[in-house]
Each structure stands twice: as structure tokens, then as C-alpha cells.
Amino acid sequence: MHFSQRLLHTRVLGQFTAITSLLCIGMLGDTMKKAGGRFELPEDEKEEARKHLEAPRAQLVAPEGGVNWSMLLPLAYAPLLPLLRIGLRGRVTQRQLDLITGGTIALALGHAAVIMFTDSSMVG
């Protein structure tokens, strides 16, 4: 299969996944509305929930007012994985390609674990 065909195939699959996800979310919302209308918290729990929602927003900004790049790193991992597979295919052995991809995934999961366990709302 030519590179242009593989690229087009990847794009079509990506669009299919995005549209399917949107449809599923829309159907879930409709089902929840039909099942009982609005789901609201009692007044005493609303303030506590609002505090938990505002805490992650504060983490996105570094203490000195700049951008906290560790929170934006997953935006680099998402396109990196398929680009690694496509770019290194044929240049390294399949075993090396699998090890590189697995290492990148392990690094991404390790980063997610560090971010989650340093977040005070995640640790009991």
C-alpha cells in the first residue's frame, strides 16, 4: 500500500472515530434527559464540587504566571505515536519499532501517573 493511501486510510478512520464518539455522547445525553431530566447536586454539595472543578484550572498555570508545560505534554504524545510508526517503518527492525513504541507509551503512562498522584484532589 502506498504512503498516500495509508495516510488517507488513517484520516478516514480518525474521522469515523470522531463522528462515532460524538454520536455516542449525543445519544447518552438524550438518554439521560429521557431518564429523568436534569441531574443536580444538593445545594450543600455544589460549593464543594465547584472547588474541585476550579483546582485543575489552577494547575494549568505555572506559579510564576507562565504555562505549565507538563500539563500540555499529552498533546505531543498523541501525534507522536503514529508518526513514530510511520516514520521509522522500514528503517528499523519490527522488534525495535515495537520497543520504541512501547517505551513511548510507558513514558506517557508514567507521566500521567505523576500528574495524577501530585494532584491533591486525586489522592484521598
Foldseek 3Di string as FASTA:
>chain_A
DDPVVVVVVVVVVVVVVVVVVVVVVVVVVVVVCVVPHDDDDPPVCPVVVVVVVVQVVVVQADPVGHGDVLVVVVVVLVVVLVCLCVVCVPVDDPVVSVVVSVVSVVVVVVSVVVVQVVRPVNPD
